[in-house]
Amino acid sequence: MVLFADDTSLIITERDESALPHKIKNIMKETWFHKNNIIINAEETIATSFHTIQNRLPVRPQISLKNMDIAY
């Protein structure tokens, strides 16, 4: 988790592409936000996918928050 002013970023890493969606789902359920009853505005939330230059097709698993898909 990275905090800056009023922005918070979660950085999730996983080498196994097939395990990434499951890991994201678990982290979104068990985050500090959830445990401290902090509401995340799903409409203002975005996801970013980082990849190596060799991988020209970045992995972008579906991320949902409050039944809304998060945009990349």
C-alpha atoms as a PDB file:
ATOM      1  CA  MET A   1       0.000   0.000   0.000  1.00  0.00           C
ATOM      2  CA  VAL A   2       1.336   3.424  -0.976  1.00  0.00           C
ATOM      3  CA  LEU A   3      -0.173   6.592   0.493  1.00  0.00           C
ATOM      4  CA  PHE A   4       0.298  10.090  -0.939  1.00  0.00           C
ATOM      5  CA  ALA A   5      -1.836  13.042   0.161  1.00  0.00           C
ATOM      6  CA  ASP A   6      -5.421  11.833  -0.280  1.00  0.00           C
ATOM      7  CA  ASP A   7      -4.551   9.065  -2.777  1.00  0.00           C
ATOM      8  CA  THR A   8      -3.912   5.448  -1.905  1.00  0.00           C
ATOM      9  CA  SER A   9      -2.421   2.823  -4.214  1.00  0.00           C
ATOM     10  CA  LEU A  10      -2.361  -0.922  -3.793  1.00  0.00           C
ATOM     11  CA  ILE A  11       0.503  -2.617  -5.587  1.00  0.00           C
ATOM     12  CA  ILE A  12      -0.161  -6.283  -6.292  1.00  0.00           C
ATOM     13  CA  THR A  13       2.492  -8.465  -7.887  1.00  0.00           C
ATOM     14  CA  GLU A  14       2.231 -12.025  -9.162  1.00  0.00           C
ATOM     15  CA  ARG A  15       4.450 -13.973 -11.546  1.00  0.00           C
ATOM     16  CA  ASP A  16       1.745 -16.525 -12.349  1.00  0.00           C
ATOM     17  CA  GLU A  17      -0.795 -14.805 -14.631  1.00  0.00           C
ATOM     18  CA  SER A  18      -3.478 -17.389 -13.881  1.00  0.00           C
ATOM     19  CA  ALA A  19      -3.187 -16.729 -10.123  1.00  0.00           C
ATOM     20  CA  LEU A  20      -3.412 -12.934 -10.453  1.00  0.00           C
ATOM     21  CA  PRO A  21      -7.234 -12.557 -10.621  1.00  0.00           C
ATOM     22  CA  HIS A  22      -7.683 -14.711  -7.501  1.00  0.00           C
ATOM     23  CA  LYS A  23      -4.993 -12.763  -5.638  1.00  0.00           C
ATOM     24  CA  ILE A  24      -6.574  -9.429  -6.576  1.00  0.00           C
ATOM     25  CA  LYS A  25     -10.010 -10.599  -5.440  1.00  0.00           C
ATOM     26  CA  ASN A  26      -8.654 -11.755  -2.065  1.00  0.00           C
ATOM     27  CA  ILE A  27      -6.698  -8.560  -1.490  1.00  0.00           C
ATOM     28  CA  MET A  28      -9.689  -6.380  -2.358  1.00  0.00           C
ATOM     29  CA  LYS A  29     -11.748  -8.268   0.245  1.00  0.00           C
ATOM     30  CA  GLU A  30      -9.125  -8.199   3.002  1.00  0.00           C
ATOM     31  CA  THR A  31      -7.591  -4.757   2.616  1.00  0.00           C
ATOM     32  CA  TRP A  32      -6.983  -2.196   5.297  1.00  0.00           C
ATOM     33  CA  PHE A  33      -9.934  -0.247   3.883  1.00  0.00           C
ATOM     34  CA  HIS A  34     -12.373  -3.080   4.535  1.00  0.00           C
ATOM     35  CA  LYS A  35     -11.031  -3.781   7.998  1.00  0.00           C
ATOM     36  CA  ASN A  36     -11.338  -0.098   8.958  1.00  0.00           C
ATOM     37  CA  ASN A  37     -14.737   0.508   7.315  1.00  0.00           C
ATOM     38  CA  ILE A  38     -13.332   2.999   4.809  1.00  0.00           C
ATOM     39  CA  ILE A  39     -15.414   3.449   1.677  1.00  0.00           C
ATOM     40  CA  ILE A  40     -13.677   3.308  -1.697  1.00  0.00           C
ATOM     41  CA  ASN A  41     -15.267   5.334  -4.487  1.00  0.00           C
ATOM     42  CA  ALA A  42     -15.455   2.745  -7.272  1.00  0.00           C
ATOM     43  CA  GLU A  43     -16.274   5.418  -9.865  1.00  0.00           C
ATOM     44  CA  GLU A  44     -12.965   7.222  -9.213  1.00  0.00           C
ATOM     45  CA  THR A  45     -10.856   4.068  -8.924  1.00  0.00           C
ATOM     46  CA  ILE A  46      -8.611   2.979 -11.808  1.00  0.00           C
ATOM     47  CA  ALA A  47      -6.244   0.076 -12.362  1.00  0.00           C
ATOM     48  CA  THR A  48      -2.871   0.118 -14.077  1.00  0.00           C
ATOM     49  CA  SER A  49      -1.045  -2.905 -15.430  1.00  0.00           C
ATOM     50  CA  PHE A  50       2.753  -2.862 -15.619  1.00  0.00           C
ATOM     51  CA  HIS A  51       4.650  -5.334 -17.754  1.00  0.00           C
ATOM     52  CA  THR A  52       8.070  -5.949 -19.216  1.00  0.00           C
ATOM     53  CA  ILE A  53       8.937  -4.624 -22.652  1.00  0.00           C
ATOM     54  CA  GLN A  54       9.125  -8.225 -23.923  1.00  0.00           C
ATOM     55  CA  ASN A  55       5.453  -8.759 -23.052  1.00  0.00           C
ATOM     56  CA  ARG A  56       3.636  -6.567 -25.562  1.00  0.00           C
ATOM     57  CA  LEU A  57       0.196  -7.757 -24.392  1.00  0.00           C
ATOM     58  CA  PRO A  58      -0.151  -6.787 -20.730  1.00  0.00           C
ATOM     59  CA  VAL A  59      -2.310  -8.876 -18.444  1.00  0.00           C
ATOM     60  CA  ARG A  60      -5.425  -6.989 -17.402  1.00  0.00           C
ATOM     61  CA  PRO A  61      -7.584  -9.202 -15.216  1.00  0.00           C
ATOM     62  CA  GLN A  62     -11.098  -8.065 -14.421  1.00  0.00           C
ATOM     63  CA  ILE A  63     -11.293  -6.171 -11.134  1.00  0.00           C
ATOM     64  CA  SER A  64     -14.655  -5.538  -9.530  1.00  0.00           C
ATOM     65  CA  LEU A  65     -15.515  -3.347  -6.603  1.00  0.00           C
ATOM     66  CA  LYS A  66     -19.091  -3.088  -5.314  1.00  0.00           C
ATOM     67  CA  ASN A  67     -20.303  -4.919  -8.428  1.00  0.00           C
ATOM     68  CA  MET A  68     -18.642  -2.333 -10.687  1.00  0.00           C
ATOM     69  CA  ASP A  69     -15.808  -3.195 -13.069  1.00  0.00           C
ATOM     70  CA  ILE A  70     -12.728  -1.053 -12.480  1.00  0.00           C
ATOM     71  CA  ALA A  71     -11.354   0.572 -15.636  1.00  0.00           C
ATOM     72  CA  TYR A  72      -7.727   0.348 -16.759  1.00  0.00           C
END
